[in-house]
């Protein structure tokens, strides 16, 4: 376990303090390649935003940043964290960067036709912009109290339908979902809240291929609803949950449908704020981080990889098969990083997990966590694969897009799905990790 470094500047001993700031991070209106329609953008429907929340207990500081972007590979995410850390003097291990995973944003994860070079305009301006808003938030700290509530709501459906033999991507009314929104209100002693952090789990794919306009999808419309209903003095921050197997509904419904879903989510957050009662007692902010190496499945044989490479004509897939061939020729089984960060705020744990995480993991955390309340954020500090469950990986090539060997796993940079044993490895380490956090 990594211990937090306490080298923050001297702060007044007034208990919990917070600051928040936001900025627009919309890429070029025309010509930005979007993952949803798989075409260059033709304009902007609504702006993409980055938002930063800084919390301090007078000794430790933490920062949570939320972005209306798809997510980032580890190398670039580290560049962003370093920029944020240097500008604010907040230790790197005390920073979470969560992406909403909107599909009407540029491809910034190592998936499919990923433009790997970090020379796009948004690659160049994001570090500076995130550093600026985090520094701004850290310089305007004021005394706050925290209140939390979980409110029932549902934007999407489980997207993995099992017909008895194989999984297809279709609404599954009996599938696992997370039918709530977690809401943390960071409130001034007098006046409107400094910030409201809210998290729901559903892929922002309601627009998806229905439009070539840049959009934050339903999370952006939820923020607009909150600004209208609650006032603009507050920074409203959407954080994506464990939504790897949950699609916002309806898939490809378009901008109006996304607006409606966002309105409903925003109204649920308003209900939660209105119904909040006791504040959270926070004596000090607890901070912990760890990193696992998750095993991947064995690659196909060298002969099979060579045959597939020889038959392939698409340049992107040829490159993917070439990387798969290298894995098959190696004596070592590849792994993928899985960083985990946790902030303990009294009875509330904010847990940040990398990658695209199945909803089952949040349910597991609710069951085993020593914290009564748990906000679980996926797509945090790096996105390079899907993380499914053992039973899903055991379906092999019948496991559907998220877990089959030639689905998302082949499109993502590792080129291989996780081993079925990854679920047990994650669960056992999370149990130990959370138990240690609360004992401090």
Protein backbone atom coordinates (compact mmCIF):
# COMPACT_ATOMS: atom_id res chain seq x y z
CA UNK A 1 0.00 0.00 0.00
CA UNK A 2 1.26 3.48 -0.83
CA UNK A 3 1.10 5.97 2.01
CA UNK A 4 -0.08 9.50 1.18
CA UNK A 5 2.53 12.21 1.14
CA UNK A 6 1.65 15.19 3.32
CA UNK A 7 3.57 17.98 1.62
CA UNK A 8 0.65 20.34 1.06
CA UNK A 9 1.08 24.03 1.93
CA UNK A 10 0.09 25.21 5.40
CA UNK A 11 -3.65 25.61 5.71
CA UNK A 12 -5.82 27.18 8.41
CA UNK A 13 -7.09 24.67 10.99
CA UNK A 14 -10.78 25.28 10.44
CA UNK A 15 -11.83 21.69 9.78
CA UNK A 16 -12.98 20.68 6.33
CA UNK A 17 -12.57 23.17 3.49
CA UNK A 18 -13.29 22.98 -0.22
CA UNK A 19 -12.96 24.83 -3.48
CA UNK A 20 -14.19 24.08 -6.99
CA UNK A 21 -13.69 25.39 -10.50
CA UNK A 22 -14.60 24.47 -14.06
CA UNK A 23 -13.61 25.19 -17.65
CA UNK A 24 -14.71 24.29 -21.18
CA UNK A 25 -12.56 21.64 -22.89
CA UNK A 26 -14.45 21.22 -26.17
CA UNK A 27 -12.11 20.10 -28.99
CA UNK A 28 -12.22 21.49 -32.51
CA UNK A 29 -15.85 21.78 -33.65
CA UNK A 30 -15.23 20.24 -37.06
CA UNK A 31 -12.94 17.37 -37.92
CA UNK A 32 -12.53 15.81 -34.46
CA UNK A 33 -12.99 12.06 -34.93
CA UNK A 34 -15.83 10.87 -32.67
CA UNK A 35 -16.16 7.34 -31.32
CA UNK A 36 -19.98 7.27 -31.46
CA UNK A 37 -20.66 7.88 -35.15
CA UNK A 38 -17.08 6.83 -36.05
CA UNK A 39 -16.86 9.95 -38.18
CA UNK A 40 -15.33 13.42 -37.91
CA UNK A 41 -17.44 15.93 -35.99
CA UNK A 42 -19.48 18.47 -37.94
CA UNK A 43 -20.12 20.88 -35.07
CA UNK A 44 -20.89 21.25 -31.37
CA UNK A 45 -24.29 20.60 -29.81
CA UNK A 46 -23.17 21.33 -26.24
CA UNK A 47 -19.81 22.10 -24.67
CA UNK A 48 -17.58 19.54 -22.99
CA UNK A 49 -16.43 20.55 -19.49
CA UNK A 50 -13.71 19.75 -16.99
CA UNK A 51 -14.46 20.35 -13.32
CA UNK A 52 -12.22 20.18 -10.26
CA UNK A 53 -13.06 19.76 -6.58
CA UNK A 54 -10.38 20.19 -3.93
CA UNK A 55 -11.04 19.09 -0.33
CA UNK A 56 -8.74 19.78 2.63
CA UNK A 57 -8.79 18.81 6.30
CA UNK A 58 -6.04 21.33 7.08
CA UNK A 59 -3.31 18.71 6.58
CA UNK A 60 -4.27 16.49 3.66
CA UNK A 61 -5.66 17.67 0.36
CA UNK A 62 -7.40 15.63 -2.33
CA UNK A 63 -8.61 16.53 -5.81
CA UNK A 64 -11.40 14.96 -7.84
CA UNK A 65 -11.65 15.99 -11.48
CA UNK A 66 -14.49 15.07 -13.81
CA UNK A 67 -14.30 15.40 -17.59
CA UNK A 68 -16.78 15.04 -20.43
CA UNK A 69 -14.29 12.86 -22.28
CA UNK A 70 -14.05 9.16 -23.12
CA UNK A 71 -11.13 8.31 -20.83
CA UNK A 72 -7.34 8.16 -21.26
CA UNK A 73 -4.55 5.65 -21.61
CA UNK A 74 -2.29 5.39 -18.57
CA UNK A 75 0.66 7.25 -20.11
CA UNK A 76 -1.38 10.32 -20.95
CA UNK A 77 -3.44 10.15 -17.77
CA UNK A 78 -0.17 10.35 -15.83
CA UNK A 79 0.73 13.49 -17.78
CA UNK A 80 -2.55 15.04 -16.66
CA UNK A 81 -2.06 14.01 -13.03
CA UNK A 82 1.47 15.40 -13.01
CA UNK A 83 0.24 18.75 -14.37
CA UNK A 84 -2.53 18.90 -11.76
CA UNK A 85 -0.17 17.92 -8.95
CA UNK A 86 2.52 20.45 -9.85
CA UNK A 87 0.04 23.33 -10.12
CA UNK A 88 -1.71 22.65 -6.81
CA UNK A 89 0.93 20.91 -4.64
CA UNK A 90 -1.52 18.03 -4.19
CA UNK A 91 0.32 14.66 -4.23
CA UNK A 92 -0.29 12.61 -7.36
CA UNK A 93 -1.73 9.69 -5.35
CA UNK A 94 -4.34 12.09 -3.91
CA UNK A 95 -5.85 12.84 -7.34
CA UNK A 96 -8.69 11.13 -9.19
CA UNK A 97 -9.48 11.96 -12.82
CA UNK A 98 -12.85 10.50 -13.80
CA UNK A 99 -14.25 10.60 -17.34
CA UNK A 100 -17.95 10.40 -18.16
CA UNK A 101 -17.16 8.21 -21.21
CA UNK A 102 -19.45 10.15 -23.53
CA UNK A 103 -19.28 8.62 -27.00
CA UNK A 104 -19.72 11.96 -28.77
CA UNK A 105 -16.18 12.91 -27.83
CA UNK A 106 -12.80 12.15 -29.42
CA UNK A 107 -11.17 8.73 -29.18
CA UNK A 108 -8.70 9.17 -26.34
CA UNK A 109 -8.53 5.55 -25.13
CA UNK A 110 -6.33 2.84 -26.72
CA UNK A 111 -9.23 1.23 -28.59
CA UNK A 112 -9.95 0.54 -32.25
CA UNK A 113 -8.84 3.32 -34.61
CA UNK A 114 -7.05 5.14 -31.76
CA UNK A 115 -4.88 8.04 -32.85
CA UNK A 116 -2.04 7.28 -30.48
CA UNK A 117 0.15 10.35 -31.01
CA UNK A 118 -0.32 12.98 -28.28
CA UNK A 119 -0.23 15.88 -30.72
CA UNK A 120 -3.92 16.62 -31.15
CA UNK A 121 -5.09 20.07 -29.99
CA UNK A 122 -6.92 18.61 -26.99
CA UNK A 123 -3.82 16.64 -25.97
CA UNK A 124 -1.93 19.91 -25.84
CA UNK A 125 -4.49 22.04 -23.97
CA UNK A 126 -5.87 19.55 -21.46
CA UNK A 127 -2.87 19.48 -19.07
CA UNK A 128 -2.80 23.27 -18.86
CA UNK A 129 -6.56 23.59 -18.41
CA UNK A 130 -6.79 20.89 -15.72
CA UNK A 131 -3.82 22.39 -13.89
CA UNK A 132 -5.43 25.84 -13.97
CA UNK A 133 -8.82 24.84 -12.56
CA UNK A 134 -7.28 22.67 -9.84
CA UNK A 135 -5.00 25.50 -8.78
CA UNK A 136 -7.98 27.88 -8.83
CA UNK A 137 -9.99 25.49 -6.66
CA UNK A 138 -7.09 25.06 -4.21
CA UNK A 139 -6.71 28.83 -3.83
CA UNK A 140 -10.35 29.49 -2.94
CA UNK A 141 -10.84 27.00 -0.10
CA UNK A 142 -13.61 27.87 2.33
CA UNK A 143 -15.19 26.05 5.30
CA UNK A 144 -17.72 23.42 4.24
CA UNK A 145 -19.84 20.59 5.54
CA UNK A 146 -20.67 17.41 3.63
CA UNK A 147 -24.00 15.69 3.15
CA UNK A 148 -24.64 12.52 1.16
CA UNK A 149 -27.65 10.60 -0.09
CA UNK A 150 -28.38 7.77 -2.53
CA UNK A 151 -31.49 8.41 -4.61
CA UNK A 152 -33.37 5.88 -6.76
CA UNK A 153 -33.24 6.54 -10.51
CA UNK A 154 -32.46 4.68 -13.72
CA UNK A 155 -31.15 6.06 -17.01
CA UNK A 156 -30.16 2.81 -18.70
CA UNK A 157 -30.53 -0.97 -18.98
CA UNK A 158 -28.14 -3.89 -18.78
CA UNK A 159 -26.92 -4.36 -22.34
CA UNK A 160 -25.85 -8.04 -22.22
CA UNK A 161 -28.66 -10.39 -23.27
CA UNK A 162 -27.98 -14.11 -22.82
CA UNK A 163 -30.06 -16.45 -25.02
CA UNK A 164 -28.84 -19.60 -23.30
CA UNK A 165 -25.79 -19.97 -25.49
CA UNK A 166 -24.20 -16.60 -26.14
CA UNK A 167 -24.34 -12.92 -25.23
CA UNK A 168 -25.57 -10.24 -27.62
CA UNK A 169 -25.67 -6.50 -27.06
CA UNK A 170 -29.36 -5.88 -26.42
CA UNK A 171 -31.45 -4.62 -23.48
CA UNK A 172 -31.66 -7.27 -20.76
CA UNK A 173 -34.52 -6.40 -18.37
CA UNK A 174 -33.24 -9.01 -15.89
CA UNK A 175 -29.60 -7.99 -16.05
CA UNK A 176 -27.59 -6.32 -13.29
CA UNK A 177 -27.93 -2.54 -13.07
CA UNK A 178 -27.18 0.19 -10.51
CA UNK A 179 -30.57 1.94 -10.22
CA UNK A 180 -29.53 4.94 -8.17
CA UNK A 181 -27.55 8.14 -8.18
CA UNK A 182 -25.01 8.81 -5.43
CA UNK A 183 -25.00 12.49 -4.46
CA UNK A 184 -22.40 14.31 -2.35
CA UNK A 185 -23.20 17.93 -1.53
CA UNK A 186 -20.21 20.06 -0.47
CA UNK A 187 -21.93 22.94 1.29
CA UNK A 188 -20.80 26.36 2.41
CA UNK A 189 -21.66 27.20 5.99
CA UNK A 190 -23.95 29.86 4.51
CA UNK A 191 -25.15 30.02 0.93
CA UNK A 192 -25.27 27.65 -2.02
CA UNK A 193 -23.06 24.54 -2.11
CA UNK A 194 -19.51 24.91 -3.40
CA UNK A 195 -20.02 21.76 -5.47
CA UNK A 196 -22.31 18.78 -5.94
CA UNK A 197 -20.63 15.53 -7.00
CA UNK A 198 -23.09 12.99 -8.37
CA UNK A 199 -22.46 9.57 -9.88
CA UNK A 200 -24.65 7.26 -11.95
CA UNK A 201 -23.76 4.17 -13.98
CA UNK A 202 -24.84 4.16 -17.63
CA UNK A 203 -22.87 4.46 -20.86
CA UNK A 204 -23.49 7.92 -22.40
CA UNK A 205 -24.54 6.43 -25.75
CA UNK A 206 -28.02 7.87 -26.08
CA UNK A 207 -26.71 10.09 -28.88
CA UNK A 208 -23.87 7.80 -30.07
CA UNK A 209 -24.18 7.28 -33.83
CA UNK A 210 -27.34 9.38 -34.19
CA UNK A 211 -25.36 12.61 -34.56
CA UNK A 212 -21.93 13.84 -35.61
CA UNK A 213 -22.16 16.78 -33.20
CA UNK A 214 -19.90 16.92 -30.16
CA UNK A 215 -21.92 16.42 -26.97
CA UNK A 216 -21.59 15.42 -23.32
CA UNK A 217 -24.74 13.27 -23.82
CA UNK A 218 -27.08 12.81 -20.83
CA UNK A 219 -24.50 13.82 -18.14
CA UNK A 220 -24.18 17.26 -19.71
CA UNK A 221 -27.94 17.73 -19.84
CA UNK A 222 -28.18 16.61 -16.19
CA UNK A 223 -25.76 19.40 -15.23
CA UNK A 224 -27.80 21.92 -17.21
CA UNK A 225 -30.94 20.82 -15.35
CA UNK A 226 -29.18 21.28 -12.01
CA UNK A 227 -27.96 24.75 -12.95
CA UNK A 228 -31.50 25.70 -13.90
CA UNK A 229 -33.13 24.21 -10.80
CA UNK A 230 -30.48 24.85 -8.15
CA UNK A 231 -28.62 27.92 -9.39
CA UNK A 232 -25.27 28.53 -11.10
CA UNK A 233 -23.27 29.43 -7.98
CA UNK A 234 -22.46 25.73 -7.58
CA UNK A 235 -20.11 23.53 -9.64
CA UNK A 236 -22.04 20.37 -10.58
CA UNK A 237 -19.83 17.37 -11.31
CA UNK A 238 -20.96 14.13 -12.96
CA UNK A 239 -18.78 11.07 -12.30
CA UNK A 240 -19.31 7.85 -14.25
CA UNK A 241 -19.92 4.67 -12.26
CA UNK A 242 -19.48 0.97 -13.04
CA UNK A 243 -21.36 1.12 -16.33
CA UNK A 244 -19.40 -1.28 -18.56
CA UNK A 245 -22.47 -3.49 -19.07
CA UNK A 246 -25.12 -0.75 -18.86
CA UNK A 247 -26.20 1.42 -21.80
CA UNK A 248 -28.04 4.68 -21.48
CA UNK A 249 -31.50 4.20 -22.99
CA UNK A 250 -32.42 4.42 -25.79
CA UNK A 251 -29.19 3.57 -27.59
CA UNK A 252 -28.77 5.97 -30.55
CA UNK A 253 -31.95 7.74 -29.49
CA UNK A 254 -30.50 11.12 -30.45
CA UNK A 255 -29.99 14.50 -28.83
CA UNK A 256 -33.60 15.00 -27.69
CA UNK A 257 -33.64 11.59 -25.98
CA UNK A 258 -30.33 12.35 -24.25
CA UNK A 259 -31.74 15.67 -23.10
CA UNK A 260 -34.76 13.91 -21.60
CA UNK A 261 -32.61 11.34 -19.79
CA UNK A 262 -30.34 14.07 -18.47
CA UNK A 263 -33.34 16.03 -17.23
CA UNK A 264 -34.61 12.97 -15.35
CA UNK A 265 -31.19 12.37 -13.77
CA UNK A 266 -30.88 16.03 -12.80
CA UNK A 267 -34.32 15.97 -11.19
CA UNK A 268 -33.30 12.88 -9.19
CA UNK A 269 -30.23 14.76 -7.92
CA UNK A 270 -32.48 17.68 -6.94
CA UNK A 271 -34.71 15.27 -4.99
CA UNK A 272 -31.66 13.90 -3.24
CA UNK A 273 -30.38 17.34 -2.24
CA UNK A 274 -33.79 18.31 -0.88
CA UNK A 275 -34.11 15.10 1.16
CA UNK A 276 -30.60 15.16 2.69
CA UNK A 277 -30.55 15.26 6.47
CA UNK A 278 -27.52 14.72 8.73
CA UNK A 279 -24.13 15.94 7.61
CA UNK A 280 -21.13 13.62 7.42
CA UNK A 281 -18.73 13.88 10.35
CA UNK A 282 -15.20 14.05 8.94
CA UNK A 283 -12.32 14.22 11.41
CA UNK A 284 -9.71 13.78 8.71
CA UNK A 285 -9.53 12.72 5.09
CA UNK A 286 -8.27 9.17 4.65
CA UNK A 287 -6.30 8.45 1.49
CA UNK A 288 -5.10 5.13 0.16
CA UNK A 289 -3.99 3.74 -3.19
CA UNK A 290 -2.78 0.48 -4.63
CA UNK A 291 -2.18 -1.10 -8.02
CA UNK A 292 -2.87 -4.66 -9.17
CA UNK A 293 -1.49 -6.48 -12.19
CA UNK A 294 -4.42 -8.33 -13.74
CA UNK A 295 -3.56 -11.45 -15.75
CA UNK A 296 -4.71 -11.70 -19.35
CA UNK A 297 -5.73 -14.87 -21.13
CA UNK A 298 -3.16 -16.77 -23.17
CA UNK A 299 -2.88 -15.59 -26.78
CA UNK A 300 -3.55 -17.84 -29.77
CA UNK A 301 -0.64 -19.89 -31.03
CA UNK A 302 2.02 -18.36 -33.25
CA UNK A 303 0.65 -20.33 -36.22
CA UNK A 304 -2.90 -19.06 -35.67
CA UNK A 305 -1.73 -15.45 -35.29
CA UNK A 306 0.36 -15.66 -38.45
CA UNK A 307 -2.58 -17.10 -40.38
CA UNK A 308 -4.96 -14.35 -39.18
CA UNK A 309 -2.39 -11.67 -39.97
CA UNK A 310 -1.89 -13.03 -43.49
CA UNK A 311 -5.64 -13.00 -44.17
CA UNK A 312 -6.27 -9.49 -42.80
CA UNK A 313 -6.43 -6.50 -45.18
CA UNK A 314 -7.48 -3.67 -42.82
CA UNK A 315 -4.49 -1.62 -41.62
CA UNK A 316 -5.76 -1.17 -38.05
CA UNK A 317 -6.55 -4.87 -37.65
CA UNK A 318 -3.22 -5.86 -39.21
CA UNK A 319 -1.48 -3.78 -36.55
CA UNK A 320 -3.59 -5.45 -33.84
CA UNK A 321 -2.79 -8.94 -35.14
CA UNK A 322 0.91 -8.02 -35.27
CA UNK A 323 0.78 -7.09 -31.57
CA UNK A 324 -1.09 -10.30 -30.82
CA UNK A 325 1.62 -12.24 -32.65
CA UNK A 326 4.29 -10.63 -30.47
CA UNK A 327 2.39 -11.77 -27.37
CA UNK A 328 2.15 -15.31 -28.73
CA UNK A 329 5.93 -15.40 -29.29
CA UNK A 330 6.70 -14.26 -25.75
CA UNK A 331 7.41 -16.62 -22.86
CA UNK A 332 5.62 -14.32 -20.41
CA UNK A 333 1.86 -13.93 -20.16
CA UNK A 334 0.92 -10.26 -20.43
CA UNK A 335 -0.89 -8.33 -17.69
CA UNK A 336 -2.72 -5.04 -17.46
CA UNK A 337 -2.42 -2.42 -14.72
CA UNK A 338 -5.37 -1.83 -12.39
CA UNK A 339 -4.86 1.25 -10.19
CA UNK A 340 -7.25 1.83 -7.29
CA UNK A 341 -7.64 5.02 -5.23
CA UNK A 342 -9.86 5.59 -2.20
CA UNK A 343 -10.83 8.66 -0.21
CA UNK A 344 -12.45 8.09 3.17
CA UNK A 345 -14.74 10.92 4.29
CA UNK A 346 -16.30 9.83 7.58
CA UNK A 347 -18.86 7.15 6.75
CA UNK A 348 -18.44 7.70 3.00
CA UNK A 349 -15.84 6.03 0.79
CA UNK A 350 -15.18 7.43 -2.68
CA UNK A 351 -13.50 4.58 -4.56
CA UNK A 352 -11.88 5.19 -7.94
CA UNK A 353 -11.27 2.21 -10.24
CA UNK A 354 -9.54 2.23 -13.62
CA UNK A 355 -11.04 0.74 -16.80
CA UNK A 356 -14.58 -0.14 -17.85
CA UNK A 357 -16.01 -2.01 -14.86
CA UNK A 358 -19.07 -4.26 -14.78
CA UNK A 359 -21.89 -3.21 -12.44
CA UNK A 360 -21.47 -6.39 -10.38
CA UNK A 361 -18.35 -4.93 -8.78
CA UNK A 362 -20.23 -2.01 -7.22
CA UNK A 363 -22.75 -4.43 -5.73
CA UNK A 364 -19.86 -6.48 -4.34
CA UNK A 365 -18.28 -3.39 -2.78
CA UNK A 366 -21.58 -2.39 -1.18
CA UNK A 367 -21.69 -5.85 0.38
CA UNK A 368 -18.16 -6.07 1.79
CA UNK A 369 -17.14 -2.47 2.45
CA UNK A 370 -16.80 -1.41 6.10
CA UNK A 371 -18.08 2.01 5.01
CA UNK A 372 -21.87 2.40 5.23
CA UNK A 373 -21.88 4.53 2.07
CA UNK A 374 -19.83 3.92 -1.08
CA UNK A 375 -19.50 5.98 -4.25
CA UNK A 376 -17.72 3.75 -6.77
CA UNK A 377 -16.29 5.56 -9.80
CA UNK A 378 -15.04 3.60 -12.80
CA UNK A 379 -13.17 5.20 -15.74
CA UNK A 380 -10.83 6.75 -13.16
CA UNK A 381 -7.10 7.35 -13.73
CA UNK A 382 -6.92 5.28 -16.91
CA UNK A 383 -9.05 3.19 -19.28
CA UNK A 384 -7.39 0.36 -21.20
CA UNK A 385 -9.76 -2.63 -21.05
CA UNK A 386 -13.08 -4.06 -19.85
CA UNK A 387 -13.30 -5.74 -16.45
CA UNK A 388 -16.01 -8.41 -16.49
CA UNK A 389 -16.83 -11.28 -14.16
CA UNK A 390 -15.53 -14.84 -14.09
CA UNK A 391 -18.77 -16.31 -15.47
CA UNK A 392 -18.66 -13.90 -18.40
CA UNK A 393 -15.08 -14.77 -19.33
CA UNK A 394 -15.87 -18.48 -18.97
CA UNK A 395 -18.30 -18.10 -21.90
CA UNK A 396 -15.23 -17.72 -24.12
CA UNK A 397 -16.05 -16.60 -27.65
CA UNK A 398 -19.75 -16.64 -26.74
CA UNK A 399 -19.17 -13.96 -24.10
CA UNK A 400 -20.20 -10.99 -26.21
CA UNK A 401 -18.46 -7.75 -27.08
CA UNK A 402 -17.10 -6.94 -23.62
CA UNK A 403 -15.42 -10.25 -22.72
CA UNK A 404 -14.95 -12.40 -25.86
CA UNK A 405 -11.44 -12.64 -27.28
CA UNK A 406 -12.28 -10.98 -30.62
CA UNK A 407 -14.57 -8.30 -29.20
CA UNK A 408 -13.47 -5.24 -27.25
CA UNK A 409 -10.43 -7.10 -25.94
CA UNK A 410 -8.97 -7.32 -29.45
CA UNK A 411 -9.77 -3.65 -30.11
CA UNK A 412 -8.23 -2.47 -26.85
CA UNK A 413 -4.44 -2.14 -26.69
CA UNK A 414 -3.77 -5.34 -24.66
CA UNK A 415 -5.47 -7.32 -27.50
CA UNK A 416 -6.45 -10.03 -25.01
CA UNK A 417 -9.32 -10.38 -22.50
CA UNK A 418 -8.71 -10.69 -18.79
CA UNK A 419 -8.29 -14.10 -17.26
CA UNK A 420 -11.42 -15.45 -15.53
CA UNK A 421 -9.38 -15.47 -12.29
CA UNK A 422 -9.21 -11.66 -12.35
CA UNK A 423 -12.55 -11.30 -10.56
CA UNK A 424 -11.35 -13.24 -7.50
CA UNK A 425 -8.07 -11.32 -7.50
CA UNK A 426 -9.88 -7.97 -7.59
CA UNK A 427 -12.42 -8.94 -4.95
CA UNK A 428 -9.94 -10.29 -2.43
CA UNK A 429 -7.66 -7.27 -2.78
CA UNK A 430 -10.55 -4.79 -2.56
CA UNK A 431 -11.74 -6.41 0.68
CA UNK A 432 -8.30 -6.09 2.26
CA UNK A 433 -7.80 -2.61 0.83
CA UNK A 434 -11.05 -1.19 2.23
CA UNK A 435 -10.56 -2.87 5.61
CA UNK A 436 -7.16 -1.22 5.93
CA UNK A 437 -8.51 2.16 4.93
CA UNK A 438 -11.17 2.26 7.64
CA UNK A 439 -8.83 0.98 10.39
CA UNK A 440 -6.58 4.05 10.13
